[in-house]
Amino acid sequence: MNISNNLTLEDEEIASLIVNAAFNVHKELGPGLLERVYEVCFCQELTYSGLNYQRQVQIPIIYKNMIFDEGLRLYVLVEDRIICELKAVDIVNPIWEAQIISHLKLTGKQLGFLINFNVPLIKQGIKRFIN
């Protein structure tokens, strides 16, 4: 079943669990910590939700049938289908939004989240991107 933009019901269910994981981490820890701390705790919440994930996933660059490994990495890839980029910053730089869009295109994934934990309310820090 498709919801919108070719996302399946399963994609939407996983997305909901991702948002809940971010909410739980922020509720427990609040803002002001390092990104690495949020990454570890966020991944633990994903585990509690029964989701599989990979951390620090390398993204190859394919250019004119050549493959380059230039050190591009995703913070978290959930269920091999949804990209989660985590931040802990005062202001989200537009380049990070462009970056997640590029990561979606390079990986062929359809859905991604930019999650900034350094906000008073986590709903202010979650932005969803569809490829």
C-alpha atoms as a PDB file:
ATOM      1  CA  MET A   1       0.000   0.000   0.000  1.00  0.00           C
ATOM      2  CA  ASN A   2       1.413   3.386  -0.977  1.00  0.00           C
ATOM      3  CA  ILE A   3       0.818   6.415   1.238  1.00  0.00           C
ATOM      4  CA  SER A   4       2.455   9.178  -0.793  1.00  0.00           C
ATOM      5  CA  ASN A   5       5.485   9.709  -2.995  1.00  0.00           C
ATOM      6  CA  ASN A   6       5.907   5.928  -3.386  1.00  0.00           C
ATOM      7  CA  LEU A   7       6.389   5.420   0.354  1.00  0.00           C
ATOM      8  CA  THR A   8       4.873   2.204   1.622  1.00  0.00           C
ATOM      9  CA  LEU A   9       2.849   1.742   4.771  1.00  0.00           C
ATOM     10  CA  GLU A  10       5.879  -0.074   6.189  1.00  0.00           C
ATOM     11  CA  ASP A  11       8.057   2.981   5.425  1.00  0.00           C
ATOM     12  CA  GLU A  12       5.586   5.166   7.307  1.00  0.00           C
ATOM     13  CA  GLU A  13       5.482   2.763  10.261  1.00  0.00           C
ATOM     14  CA  ILE A  14       9.280   2.715  10.472  1.00  0.00           C
ATOM     15  CA  ALA A  15       9.324   6.520  10.161  1.00  0.00           C
ATOM     16  CA  SER A  16       6.944   6.750  13.107  1.00  0.00           C
ATOM     17  CA  LEU A  17       9.211   4.522  15.209  1.00  0.00           C
ATOM     18  CA  ILE A  18      12.207   6.689  14.252  1.00  0.00           C
ATOM     19  CA  VAL A  19      10.411   9.852  15.383  1.00  0.00           C
ATOM     20  CA  ASN A  20       9.418   8.120  18.627  1.00  0.00           C
ATOM     21  CA  ALA A  21      13.039   7.060  19.199  1.00  0.00           C
ATOM     22  CA  ALA A  22      14.211  10.658  18.772  1.00  0.00           C
ATOM     23  CA  PHE A  23      11.451  11.846  21.107  1.00  0.00           C
ATOM     24  CA  ASN A  24      12.439   9.313  23.789  1.00  0.00           C
ATOM     25  CA  VAL A  25      16.121  10.265  23.629  1.00  0.00           C
ATOM     26  CA  HIS A  26      15.355  13.976  23.812  1.00  0.00           C
ATOM     27  CA  LYS A  27      12.885  13.473  26.662  1.00  0.00           C
ATOM     28  CA  GLU A  28      15.500  11.558  28.647  1.00  0.00           C
ATOM     29  CA  LEU A  29      18.620  13.615  27.862  1.00  0.00           C
ATOM     30  CA  GLY A  30      17.398  17.027  26.707  1.00  0.00           C
ATOM     31  CA  PRO A  31      19.538  19.343  24.575  1.00  0.00           C
ATOM     32  CA  GLY A  32      23.187  20.248  25.065  1.00  0.00           C
ATOM     33  CA  LEU A  33      25.143  17.027  24.576  1.00  0.00           C
ATOM     34  CA  LEU A  34      27.490  15.856  21.830  1.00  0.00           C
ATOM     35  CA  GLU A  35      26.112  14.313  18.638  1.00  0.00           C
ATOM     36  CA  ARG A  36      27.899  11.046  19.401  1.00  0.00           C
ATOM     37  CA  VAL A  37      25.960  10.689  22.671  1.00  0.00           C
ATOM     38  CA  TYR A  38      22.659  11.192  20.863  1.00  0.00           C
ATOM     39  CA  GLU A  39      23.704   8.742  18.151  1.00  0.00           C
ATOM     40  CA  VAL A  40      24.431   5.954  20.639  1.00  0.00           C
ATOM     41  CA  CYS A  41      21.214   6.536  22.600  1.00  0.00           C
ATOM     42  CA  PHE A  42      19.117   6.943  19.433  1.00  0.00           C
ATOM     43  CA  CYS A  43      20.409   3.608  18.146  1.00  0.00           C
ATOM     44  CA  GLN A  44      19.591   1.975  21.470  1.00  0.00           C
ATOM     45  CA  GLU A  45      16.025   3.279  21.154  1.00  0.00           C
ATOM     46  CA  LEU A  46      15.859   1.815  17.641  1.00  0.00           C
ATOM     47  CA  THR A  47      16.900  -1.529  19.127  1.00  0.00           C
ATOM     48  CA  TYR A  48      14.158  -1.256  21.755  1.00  0.00           C
ATOM     49  CA  SER A  49      11.692  -0.679  18.897  1.00  0.00           C
ATOM     50  CA  GLY A  50      12.850  -3.828  17.128  1.00  0.00           C
ATOM     51  CA  LEU A  51      14.454  -1.956  14.232  1.00  0.00           C
ATOM     52  CA  ASN A  52      17.677  -2.962  12.518  1.00  0.00           C
ATOM     53  CA  TYR A  53      20.188  -0.231  11.801  1.00  0.00           C
ATOM     54  CA  GLN A  54      23.734   0.450  10.701  1.00  0.00           C
ATOM     55  CA  ARG A  55      25.874   3.281  12.052  1.00  0.00           C
ATOM     56  CA  GLN A  56      28.386   5.360  10.100  1.00  0.00           C
ATOM     57  CA  VAL A  57      27.514   3.759   6.759  1.00  0.00           C
ATOM     58  CA  GLN A  58      29.928   4.541   3.956  1.00  0.00           C
ATOM     59  CA  ILE A  59      28.430   5.930   0.721  1.00  0.00           C
ATOM     60  CA  PRO A  60      30.301   5.213  -2.501  1.00  0.00           C
ATOM     61  CA  ILE A  61      30.253   7.842  -5.231  1.00  0.00           C
ATOM     62  CA  ILE A  62      29.413   6.466  -8.678  1.00  0.00           C
ATOM     63  CA  TYR A  63      30.478   8.834 -11.416  1.00  0.00           C
ATOM     64  CA  LYS A  64      30.525   7.847 -15.096  1.00  0.00           C
ATOM     65  CA  ASN A  65      30.601   4.134 -14.209  1.00  0.00           C
ATOM     66  CA  MET A  66      33.512   4.632 -11.813  1.00  0.00           C
ATOM     67  CA  ILE A  67      33.195   4.033  -8.071  1.00  0.00           C
ATOM     68  CA  PHE A  68      34.970   6.359  -5.653  1.00  0.00           C
ATOM     69  CA  ASP A  69      35.271   5.986  -1.897  1.00  0.00           C
ATOM     70  CA  GLU A  70      35.663   9.529  -0.652  1.00  0.00           C
ATOM     71  CA  GLY A  71      34.664   9.127   2.966  1.00  0.00           C
ATOM     72  CA  LEU A  72      30.997  10.111   2.727  1.00  0.00           C
ATOM     73  CA  ARG A  73      29.092   8.569   5.616  1.00  0.00           C
ATOM     74  CA  LEU A  74      25.540   8.364   6.878  1.00  0.00           C
ATOM     75  CA  TYR A  75      25.012   8.621  10.625  1.00  0.00           C
ATOM     76  CA  VAL A  76      22.344   5.919  10.788  1.00  0.00           C
ATOM     77  CA  LEU A  77      20.614   3.782   8.159  1.00  0.00           C
ATOM     78  CA  VAL A  78      17.442   2.177   9.531  1.00  0.00           C
ATOM     79  CA  GLU A  79      16.122  -1.094   8.083  1.00  0.00           C
ATOM     80  CA  ASP A  80      18.345  -0.492   5.033  1.00  0.00           C
ATOM     81  CA  ARG A  81      15.801   2.045   3.810  1.00  0.00           C
ATOM     82  CA  ILE A  82      15.626   5.264   5.879  1.00  0.00           C
ATOM     83  CA  ILE A  83      18.536   7.660   6.408  1.00  0.00           C
ATOM     84  CA  CYS A  84      18.852   9.492   9.730  1.00  0.00           C
ATOM     85  CA  GLU A  85      21.350  12.331  10.006  1.00  0.00           C
ATOM     86  CA  LEU A  86      21.791  13.468  13.591  1.00  0.00           C
ATOM     87  CA  LYS A  87      22.888  16.900  14.776  1.00  0.00           C
ATOM     88  CA  ALA A  88      23.279  18.742  18.069  1.00  0.00           C
ATOM     89  CA  VAL A  89      23.627  22.352  16.930  1.00  0.00           C
ATOM     90  CA  ASP A  90      22.117  25.753  17.676  1.00  0.00           C
ATOM     91  CA  ILE A  91      21.270  26.469  14.040  1.00  0.00           C
ATOM     92  CA  VAL A  92      20.750  23.926  11.265  1.00  0.00           C
ATOM     93  CA  ASN A  93      22.934  24.920   8.346  1.00  0.00           C
ATOM     94  CA  PRO A  94      21.170  24.653   4.955  1.00  0.00           C
ATOM     95  CA  ILE A  95      24.156  22.665   3.672  1.00  0.00           C
ATOM     96  CA  TRP A  96      23.097  19.770   5.931  1.00  0.00           C
ATOM     97  CA  GLU A  97      19.675  19.776   4.295  1.00  0.00           C
ATOM     98  CA  ALA A  98      21.343  19.695   0.872  1.00  0.00           C
ATOM     99  CA  GLN A  99      23.609  16.933   2.143  1.00  0.00           C
ATOM    100  CA  ILE A 100      20.768  14.625   3.176  1.00  0.00           C
ATOM    101  CA  ILE A 101      19.054  15.197  -0.172  1.00  0.00           C
ATOM    102  CA  SER A 102      22.331  14.239  -1.886  1.00  0.00           C
ATOM    103  CA  HIS A 103      22.661  11.164   0.337  1.00  0.00           C
ATOM    104  CA  LEU A 104      19.139  10.080  -0.627  1.00  0.00           C
ATOM    105  CA  LYS A 105      19.988  10.446  -4.311  1.00  0.00           C
ATOM    106  CA  LEU A 106      23.370   8.703  -4.038  1.00  0.00           C
ATOM    107  CA  THR A 107      21.912   5.736  -2.152  1.00  0.00           C
ATOM    108  CA  GLY A 108      18.601   5.498  -3.995  1.00  0.00           C
ATOM    109  CA  LYS A 109      16.738   5.663  -0.676  1.00  0.00           C
ATOM    110  CA  GLN A 110      13.384   7.432  -0.587  1.00  0.00           C
ATOM    111  CA  LEU A 111      13.105   8.776   2.955  1.00  0.00           C
ATOM    112  CA  GLY A 112      15.436  10.564   5.310  1.00  0.00           C
ATOM    113  CA  PHE A 113      15.355  12.552   8.529  1.00  0.00           C
ATOM    114  CA  LEU A 114      17.547  15.376   9.741  1.00  0.00           C
ATOM    115  CA  ILE A 115      17.240  15.281  13.527  1.00  0.00           C
ATOM    116  CA  ASN A 116      18.685  18.099  15.643  1.00  0.00           C
ATOM    117  CA  PHE A 117      18.663  17.288  19.347  1.00  0.00           C
ATOM    118  CA  ASN A 118      19.818  20.741  20.478  1.00  0.00           C
ATOM    119  CA  VAL A 119      16.308  22.226  20.585  1.00  0.00           C
ATOM    120  CA  PRO A 120      13.855  22.868  23.445  1.00  0.00           C
ATOM    121  CA  LEU A 121      11.169  20.668  21.815  1.00  0.00           C
ATOM    122  CA  ILE A 122      12.261  17.760  19.633  1.00  0.00           C
ATOM    123  CA  LYS A 123       9.443  18.313  17.130  1.00  0.00           C
ATOM    124  CA  GLN A 124      11.250  21.567  16.239  1.00  0.00           C
ATOM    125  CA  GLY A 125      14.370  19.552  15.456  1.00  0.00           C
ATOM    126  CA  ILE A 126      12.961  16.890  13.129  1.00  0.00           C
ATOM    127  CA  LYS A 127      12.814  17.502   9.406  1.00  0.00           C
ATOM    128  CA  ARG A 128      11.667  14.870   6.923  1.00  0.00           C
ATOM    129  CA  PHE A 129      13.003  14.564   3.359  1.00  0.00           C
ATOM    130  CA  ILE A 130      11.576  12.515   0.497  1.00  0.00           C
ATOM    131  CA  ASN A 131      13.570  11.671  -2.615  1.00  0.00           C
END
